Amino acid sequence: MFKKMIKRIIPVGIVIAAVVVATLMVASREKLSSADVAQPLPQVRAIDIVLGDVPVTIIAHGTVSARIELELASEVTGRVESVAPQFESGEMVTSGTVLLKVDPTIYRLALAEAKAALASAKNALADATALKRSALMRESELNIEAAHQRIEKAEQDLAYTEIKAPFDAVIDEKLVDFGQFISTGRTVARLLSSETAEVRLPVKSAEVGLIDTSSEVMLSAKIGEKRQQWKARILRIESRVDRQTRVIPVVVEVNAPYELSVHAYRLPLGLFVTATIAGKPISAAARLPISALQTDDTVFVLSNNTLQRRKVEIVFREGDSVVVNGGLENGDVIVISRLEVMFEGMKVERSDA
């Protein structure tokens, strides 16, 4: 009986002893000093605003075209008896070059007949004058005038048997060849003037206001492994808005596009080019990286390590930057980096590293 009681008491005593020891250990432990743990502020990059004149560059794209595109037609009827070696699609010809010749036989005959009629009318006039027959004199004078007109027409037709290039041109398409019979009005070739080239550039209406007609224009395109450039000038800004694209066409001109003495590389017609136009500087403005702009055209201004949202007026967008000339002041600090969460009154720390 006594042994059983001892067996029950020993475990209870062990537990009580453990509790007492643990209590004494906790009571004897030194108290830890309390300290405030400071949370680090989010880091942002920022720039200081200095308002001034900001130069802008307008970028547009277009296709090179000839200033004059002409369908050259024959003004006589006959068989093509010869063609010039350079009368081929893609070839360049100078003004006055004979591209092809039409058989002139019937036109030489018409000229001879007209000259014979003139001689006959002159003889009739001489006879009428000698006989002093005024009615016959008047008729002969009219016949002489008509003969002169026929001679002029025959000479003109004879000249038209040589079909010439009316200006310096590139032959866009050759439509007739040696031996073909052509009639008056038949188109023999399509010509593209080569003295000047034009590029019609679609420009937004807001950007057109920044263009000066004396602005420098540079065209560029990649040909082969190199990017070639050509100088151009603004020919005109059209006084209309395209109904479909809602842009205003700006037409630029390149002089002597095929002259290697003027350009480092010939400017081929039909080439798609990029135009860079120097625009008027925007006054009292600042250029910001696109990363500074929020979706609602606002930016965050940093003041005393606190974010403040500010509405700005954007006047020009260029690549990965925007030009602002409203809503900012000199000395403003604009946040140009983005955080996952940004809001008015948020505490941050500037770090431009």
Protein backbone atom coordinates (compact mmCIF):
# COMPACT_ATOMS: atom_id res chain seq x y z
CA MET A 1 0.00 0.00 0.00
CA PHE A 2 2.75 2.38 0.96
CA LYS A 3 4.82 1.42 -2.10
CA LYS A 4 1.88 2.11 -4.39
CA MET A 5 1.45 5.59 -2.84
CA ILE A 6 5.18 6.32 -3.33
CA LYS A 7 4.93 5.38 -7.03
CA ARG A 8 2.04 7.84 -7.51
CA ILE A 9 3.72 10.70 -5.65
CA ILE A 10 7.09 10.54 -7.46
CA PRO A 11 5.78 11.60 -10.94
CA VAL A 12 3.75 14.43 -9.44
CA GLY A 13 6.81 15.61 -7.55
CA ILE A 14 8.90 15.56 -10.69
CA VAL A 15 6.37 17.73 -12.48
CA ILE A 16 6.16 20.19 -9.60
CA ALA A 17 9.95 20.39 -9.41
CA ALA A 18 10.16 21.10 -13.18
CA VAL A 19 7.61 23.88 -12.90
CA VAL A 20 9.48 25.45 -10.02
CA VAL A 21 12.82 25.28 -11.89
CA ALA A 22 11.30 26.80 -15.04
CA THR A 23 9.72 29.62 -13.03
CA LEU A 24 13.03 30.39 -11.37
CA MET A 25 14.83 30.44 -14.75
CA VAL A 26 12.34 32.84 -16.30
CA ALA A 27 12.42 35.09 -13.28
CA SER A 28 16.21 35.22 -13.30
CA ARG A 29 16.49 36.09 -17.08
CA GLU A 30 17.59 39.64 -17.89
CA LYS A 31 14.90 41.85 -19.41
CA LEU A 32 15.46 42.78 -23.11
CA SER A 33 15.52 46.47 -23.90
CA SER A 34 12.76 47.56 -26.28
CA ALA A 35 13.72 49.42 -29.50
CA ASP A 36 11.75 50.77 -32.41
CA VAL A 37 12.50 48.98 -35.71
CA ALA A 38 12.42 51.59 -38.56
CA GLN A 39 10.88 50.38 -41.84
CA PRO A 40 12.92 51.49 -44.97
CA LEU A 41 11.12 53.87 -47.35
CA PRO A 42 10.61 52.88 -51.02
CA GLN A 43 13.34 54.24 -53.31
CA VAL A 44 12.42 56.36 -56.35
CA ARG A 45 14.39 58.14 -59.06
CA ALA A 46 13.55 61.76 -59.84
CA ILE A 47 14.67 64.75 -61.92
CA ASP A 48 14.69 68.47 -61.19
CA ILE A 49 12.60 70.60 -63.55
CA VAL A 50 14.13 73.58 -65.35
CA LEU A 51 11.66 75.22 -67.73
CA GLY A 52 12.93 76.64 -71.02
CA ASP A 53 12.83 76.31 -74.81
CA VAL A 54 12.63 72.64 -75.76
CA PRO A 55 13.52 71.75 -79.38
CA VAL A 56 11.36 69.06 -80.96
CA THR A 57 11.74 66.76 -83.94
CA ILE A 58 8.76 65.57 -85.97
CA ILE A 59 8.98 62.08 -87.44
CA ALA A 60 6.83 61.02 -90.39
CA HIS A 61 6.90 58.36 -93.08
CA GLY A 62 6.03 58.40 -96.76
CA THR A 63 6.76 57.07 -100.24
CA VAL A 64 8.93 58.88 -102.78
CA SER A 65 7.02 59.84 -105.92
CA ALA A 66 7.68 61.88 -109.04
CA ARG A 67 6.43 65.43 -109.16
CA ILE A 68 5.10 64.81 -112.67
CA GLU A 69 3.68 61.49 -113.85
CA LEU A 70 2.83 61.51 -117.55
CA GLU A 71 1.24 59.04 -119.95
CA LEU A 72 3.07 59.85 -123.18
CA ALA A 73 0.77 59.35 -126.18
CA SER A 74 1.34 59.34 -129.93
CA GLU A 75 -0.08 62.27 -131.92
CA VAL A 76 0.21 60.45 -135.26
CA THR A 77 -0.78 57.11 -136.74
CA GLY A 78 1.65 54.63 -138.25
CA ARG A 79 4.07 51.79 -137.72
CA VAL A 80 6.95 52.11 -135.24
CA GLU A 81 10.07 51.97 -137.40
CA SER A 82 12.71 52.40 -134.67
CA VAL A 83 13.13 52.68 -130.88
CA ALA A 84 15.97 54.19 -128.85
CA PRO A 85 18.28 51.83 -126.91
CA GLN A 86 17.36 53.60 -123.65
CA PHE A 87 13.64 53.20 -124.31
CA GLU A 88 13.26 50.52 -121.63
CA SER A 89 11.39 50.42 -118.31
CA GLY A 90 13.52 51.81 -115.49
CA GLU A 91 15.92 53.70 -117.77
CA MET A 92 16.62 57.42 -117.41
CA VAL A 93 16.27 59.78 -120.36
CA THR A 94 16.94 63.48 -120.80
CA SER A 95 14.54 66.06 -122.14
CA GLY A 96 14.30 65.94 -125.96
CA THR A 97 15.53 62.34 -126.30
CA VAL A 98 13.83 60.61 -129.28
CA LEU A 99 12.27 57.51 -127.74
CA LEU A 100 10.77 56.06 -130.92
CA LYS A 101 10.00 56.96 -134.53
CA VAL A 102 6.82 56.37 -136.51
CA ASP A 103 7.01 55.77 -140.28
CA PRO A 104 6.88 59.36 -141.71
CA THR A 105 6.06 58.49 -145.36
CA ILE A 106 2.43 59.63 -145.43
CA TYR A 107 3.30 62.82 -143.55
CA ARG A 108 6.12 63.72 -145.94
CA LEU A 109 3.63 63.22 -148.78
CA ALA A 110 1.09 65.48 -147.04
CA LEU A 111 3.75 68.16 -146.64
CA ALA A 112 4.72 67.97 -150.32
CA GLU A 113 1.07 68.21 -151.39
CA ALA A 114 0.56 71.24 -149.14
CA LYS A 115 3.60 72.97 -150.66
CA ALA A 116 2.34 72.20 -154.16
CA ALA A 117 -1.05 73.66 -153.28
CA LEU A 118 0.69 76.82 -152.06
CA ALA A 119 2.60 77.19 -155.32
CA SER A 120 -0.60 76.70 -157.35
CA ALA A 121 -2.45 79.28 -155.26
CA LYS A 122 0.35 81.79 -155.76
CA ASN A 123 0.25 81.27 -159.54
CA ALA A 124 -3.52 81.75 -159.54
CA LEU A 125 -3.09 84.97 -157.60
CA ALA A 126 -0.54 86.23 -160.13
CA ASP A 127 -2.89 85.48 -163.05
CA ALA A 128 -5.86 87.14 -161.32
CA THR A 129 -3.76 90.19 -160.54
CA ALA A 130 -2.67 90.48 -164.17
CA LEU A 131 -6.26 90.21 -165.36
CA LYS A 132 -7.40 92.55 -162.60
CA ARG A 133 -10.12 90.15 -161.54
CA SER A 134 -10.74 91.10 -157.91
CA ALA A 135 -12.99 88.13 -157.07
CA LEU A 136 -10.42 85.66 -158.34
CA MET A 137 -7.67 87.55 -156.48
CA ARG A 138 -9.58 87.24 -153.22
CA GLU A 139 -10.14 83.51 -153.76
CA SER A 140 -6.46 82.98 -154.53
CA GLU A 141 -5.42 84.83 -151.38
CA LEU A 142 -7.67 82.56 -149.31
CA ASN A 143 -6.21 79.50 -151.03
CA ILE A 144 -2.70 80.74 -150.23
CA GLU A 145 -3.64 81.19 -146.54
CA ALA A 146 -5.18 77.70 -146.44
CA ALA A 147 -2.08 76.23 -148.09
CA HIS A 148 0.10 77.85 -145.41
CA GLN A 149 -2.09 76.28 -142.72
CA ARG A 150 -1.84 72.85 -144.39
CA ILE A 151 1.94 73.18 -144.60
CA GLU A 152 2.14 74.08 -140.91
CA LYS A 153 -0.07 71.11 -140.00
CA ALA A 154 1.94 68.72 -142.21
CA GLU A 155 5.24 69.93 -140.73
CA GLN A 156 3.84 69.49 -137.24
CA ASP A 157 2.61 65.96 -137.99
CA LEU A 158 5.98 65.11 -139.52
CA ALA A 159 7.73 66.34 -136.36
CA TYR A 160 5.36 64.24 -134.25
CA THR A 161 6.59 61.07 -135.96
CA GLU A 162 9.57 61.41 -133.60
CA ILE A 163 8.16 60.86 -130.11
CA LYS A 164 10.43 62.64 -127.61
CA ALA A 165 10.75 62.83 -123.84
CA PRO A 166 9.23 66.19 -122.82
CA PHE A 167 11.41 66.41 -119.69
CA ASP A 168 14.16 64.56 -117.81
CA ALA A 169 12.44 61.36 -116.79
CA VAL A 170 12.53 57.77 -115.69
CA ILE A 171 10.62 55.41 -117.97
CA ASP A 172 8.15 53.80 -115.61
CA GLU A 173 6.62 51.54 -118.24
CA LYS A 174 7.28 50.87 -121.91
CA LEU A 175 4.00 50.13 -123.72
CA VAL A 176 4.94 49.79 -127.41
CA ASP A 177 7.85 48.29 -129.32
CA PHE A 178 9.47 48.13 -132.73
CA GLY A 179 7.16 47.10 -135.58
CA GLN A 180 3.87 47.81 -133.81
CA PHE A 181 1.16 49.83 -135.54
CA ILE A 182 -0.07 52.66 -133.33
CA SER A 183 -2.85 55.17 -133.77
CA THR A 184 -3.28 58.74 -132.66
CA GLY A 185 -3.84 58.94 -128.89
CA ARG A 186 -2.21 55.55 -128.14
CA THR A 187 -0.17 55.63 -124.92
CA VAL A 188 3.39 54.58 -125.70
CA ALA A 189 5.01 54.99 -122.26
CA ARG A 190 4.53 56.19 -118.71
CA LEU A 191 7.13 58.74 -117.62
CA LEU A 192 8.16 59.92 -114.16
CA SER A 193 9.97 63.25 -113.94
CA SER A 194 13.46 62.94 -112.50
CA GLU A 195 14.31 66.62 -111.96
CA THR A 196 12.60 66.60 -108.56
CA ALA A 197 10.99 64.03 -106.28
CA GLU A 198 8.23 64.49 -103.72
CA VAL A 199 7.24 62.76 -100.51
CA ARG A 200 3.76 63.25 -99.05
CA LEU A 201 4.02 62.96 -95.27
CA PRO A 202 1.00 62.44 -92.99
CA VAL A 203 1.45 64.69 -89.93
CA LYS A 204 -0.87 65.13 -86.95
CA SER A 205 -2.59 68.51 -86.81
CA ALA A 206 -1.01 69.29 -83.41
CA GLU A 207 2.45 68.67 -84.86
CA VAL A 208 1.81 70.67 -88.04
CA GLY A 209 1.60 73.80 -85.86
CA LEU A 210 5.23 73.22 -84.86
CA ILE A 211 6.47 73.15 -88.47
CA ASP A 212 8.06 76.16 -90.12
CA THR A 213 8.15 76.05 -93.94
CA SER A 214 11.88 76.79 -93.71
CA SER A 215 12.41 73.82 -91.38
CA GLU A 216 15.22 71.44 -92.27
CA VAL A 217 14.06 68.04 -93.49
CA MET A 218 16.16 64.89 -93.70
CA LEU A 219 14.93 61.74 -95.43
CA SER A 220 16.45 58.36 -94.65
CA ALA A 221 16.01 54.73 -95.62
CA LYS A 222 17.99 51.54 -95.25
CA ILE A 223 19.35 50.33 -98.57
CA GLY A 224 21.41 47.19 -98.29
CA GLU A 225 23.46 47.28 -95.10
CA LYS A 226 23.66 51.08 -94.87
CA ARG A 227 21.14 53.76 -94.00
CA GLN A 228 21.20 56.46 -96.66
CA GLN A 229 20.13 60.08 -96.23
CA TRP A 230 18.84 62.81 -98.54
CA LYS A 231 18.24 66.49 -97.84
CA ALA A 232 14.78 67.84 -98.66
CA ARG A 233 12.78 71.02 -98.23
CA ILE A 234 9.14 71.65 -97.40
CA LEU A 235 7.26 72.37 -100.61
CA ARG A 236 3.82 72.97 -99.12
CA ILE A 237 1.51 72.17 -96.21
CA GLU A 238 -1.86 71.28 -97.65
CA SER A 239 -4.90 73.18 -96.41
CA ARG A 240 -7.00 70.13 -95.71
CA VAL A 241 -7.34 67.20 -93.34
CA ASP A 242 -7.40 63.67 -94.71
CA ARG A 243 -10.89 62.30 -94.09
CA GLN A 244 -9.74 58.78 -93.29
CA THR A 245 -6.54 59.29 -91.28
CA ARG A 246 -7.36 62.76 -89.84
CA VAL A 247 -3.85 63.99 -90.60
CA ILE A 248 -2.60 66.93 -92.66
CA PRO A 249 -0.37 66.11 -95.65
CA VAL A 250 3.00 67.86 -95.65
CA VAL A 251 4.76 67.62 -99.01
CA VAL A 252 8.56 67.78 -99.13
CA GLU A 253 10.71 68.04 -102.25
CA VAL A 254 14.12 66.63 -103.16
CA ASN A 255 16.00 68.32 -105.98
CA ALA A 256 17.97 66.19 -108.46
CA PRO A 257 17.23 62.90 -106.68
CA TYR A 258 19.41 60.94 -109.13
CA GLU A 259 22.43 63.25 -109.14
CA LEU A 260 25.38 61.70 -107.30
CA SER A 261 27.05 65.12 -107.26
CA VAL A 262 24.21 66.28 -104.98
CA HIS A 263 23.45 63.12 -102.97
CA ALA A 264 25.67 60.31 -101.75
CA TYR A 265 23.16 57.79 -103.11
CA ARG A 266 20.41 58.04 -105.70
CA LEU A 267 16.89 58.41 -104.30
CA PRO A 268 14.77 55.84 -106.15
CA LEU A 269 11.14 56.61 -106.84
CA GLY A 270 8.76 54.38 -104.87
CA LEU A 271 11.13 54.07 -101.89
CA PHE A 272 9.53 54.18 -98.41
CA VAL A 273 11.44 56.74 -96.32
CA THR A 274 11.49 58.21 -92.83
CA ALA A 275 11.39 62.02 -92.64
CA THR A 276 12.91 63.96 -89.75
CA ILE A 277 11.65 67.55 -89.55
CA ALA A 278 13.15 70.09 -87.16
CA GLY A 279 10.20 71.76 -85.42
CA LYS A 280 9.85 75.09 -83.66
CA PRO A 281 11.11 75.07 -80.03
CA ILE A 282 8.36 74.93 -77.39
CA SER A 283 8.79 77.72 -74.84
CA ALA A 284 8.45 77.43 -71.04
CA ALA A 285 8.47 73.66 -71.33
CA ALA A 286 10.29 70.59 -70.02
CA ARG A 287 11.00 67.20 -71.53
CA LEU A 288 10.04 64.19 -69.37
CA PRO A 289 10.67 60.49 -69.91
CA ILE A 290 7.50 58.56 -70.64
CA SER A 291 8.02 56.64 -67.38
CA ALA A 292 7.13 59.80 -65.43
CA LEU A 293 3.68 60.02 -67.00
CA GLN A 294 0.72 58.27 -65.40
CA THR A 295 -2.27 56.99 -67.38
CA ASP A 296 -4.38 60.08 -66.62
CA ASP A 297 -1.71 62.55 -67.82
CA THR A 298 -0.51 63.25 -64.31
CA VAL A 299 2.92 63.05 -62.69
CA PHE A 300 4.10 62.59 -59.12
CA VAL A 301 5.92 65.55 -57.60
CA LEU A 302 8.26 64.74 -54.71
CA SER A 303 7.99 67.20 -51.82
CA ASN A 304 9.50 66.49 -48.39
CA ASN A 305 9.72 62.79 -49.27
CA THR A 306 5.98 62.75 -50.01
CA LEU A 307 4.30 62.07 -53.35
CA GLN A 308 1.93 64.69 -54.71
CA ARG A 309 -0.07 64.04 -57.89
CA ARG A 310 0.00 66.88 -60.45
CA LYS A 311 -1.98 67.28 -63.70
CA VAL A 312 0.23 68.35 -66.63
CA GLU A 313 -0.38 69.60 -70.18
CA ILE A 314 1.34 67.54 -72.85
CA VAL A 315 2.06 69.39 -76.09
CA PHE A 316 4.29 66.89 -77.87
CA ARG A 317 5.09 63.19 -77.75
CA GLU A 318 8.37 62.01 -79.20
CA GLY A 319 9.53 58.42 -78.90
CA ASP A 320 10.07 57.58 -75.23
CA SER A 321 9.61 61.16 -74.01
CA VAL A 322 6.94 63.86 -73.74
CA VAL A 323 7.16 67.65 -73.74
CA VAL A 324 5.11 69.42 -71.06
CA ASN A 325 4.44 73.16 -70.95
CA GLY A 326 1.72 73.34 -68.33
CA GLY A 327 1.34 72.16 -64.73
CA LEU A 328 5.01 72.30 -63.74
CA GLU A 329 7.19 74.97 -62.17
CA ASN A 330 10.92 75.55 -61.99
CA GLY A 331 12.46 73.49 -59.20
CA ASP A 332 9.75 70.81 -59.13
CA VAL A 333 11.12 67.34 -58.48
CA ILE A 334 9.39 64.81 -60.74
CA VAL A 335 9.45 61.08 -60.03
CA ILE A 336 10.51 59.17 -63.15
CA SER A 337 10.51 55.61 -61.80
CA ARG A 338 7.49 53.43 -61.16
CA LEU A 339 6.54 51.45 -58.08
CA GLU A 340 3.96 48.71 -57.87
CA VAL A 341 1.85 50.98 -55.66
CA MET A 342 1.97 54.78 -55.84
CA PHE A 343 -0.55 57.17 -54.31
CA GLU A 344 -0.98 60.72 -53.10
CA GLY A 345 0.72 61.29 -49.72
CA MET A 346 2.91 58.18 -49.94
CA LYS A 347 6.30 58.46 -48.19
CA VAL A 348 9.29 57.65 -50.40
CA GLU A 349 13.00 58.39 -50.55
CA ARG A 350 14.84 59.82 -53.55
CA SER A 351 17.63 57.74 -54.97
CA ASP A 352 19.01 58.62 -58.42
CA ALA A 353 21.55 55.83 -58.46
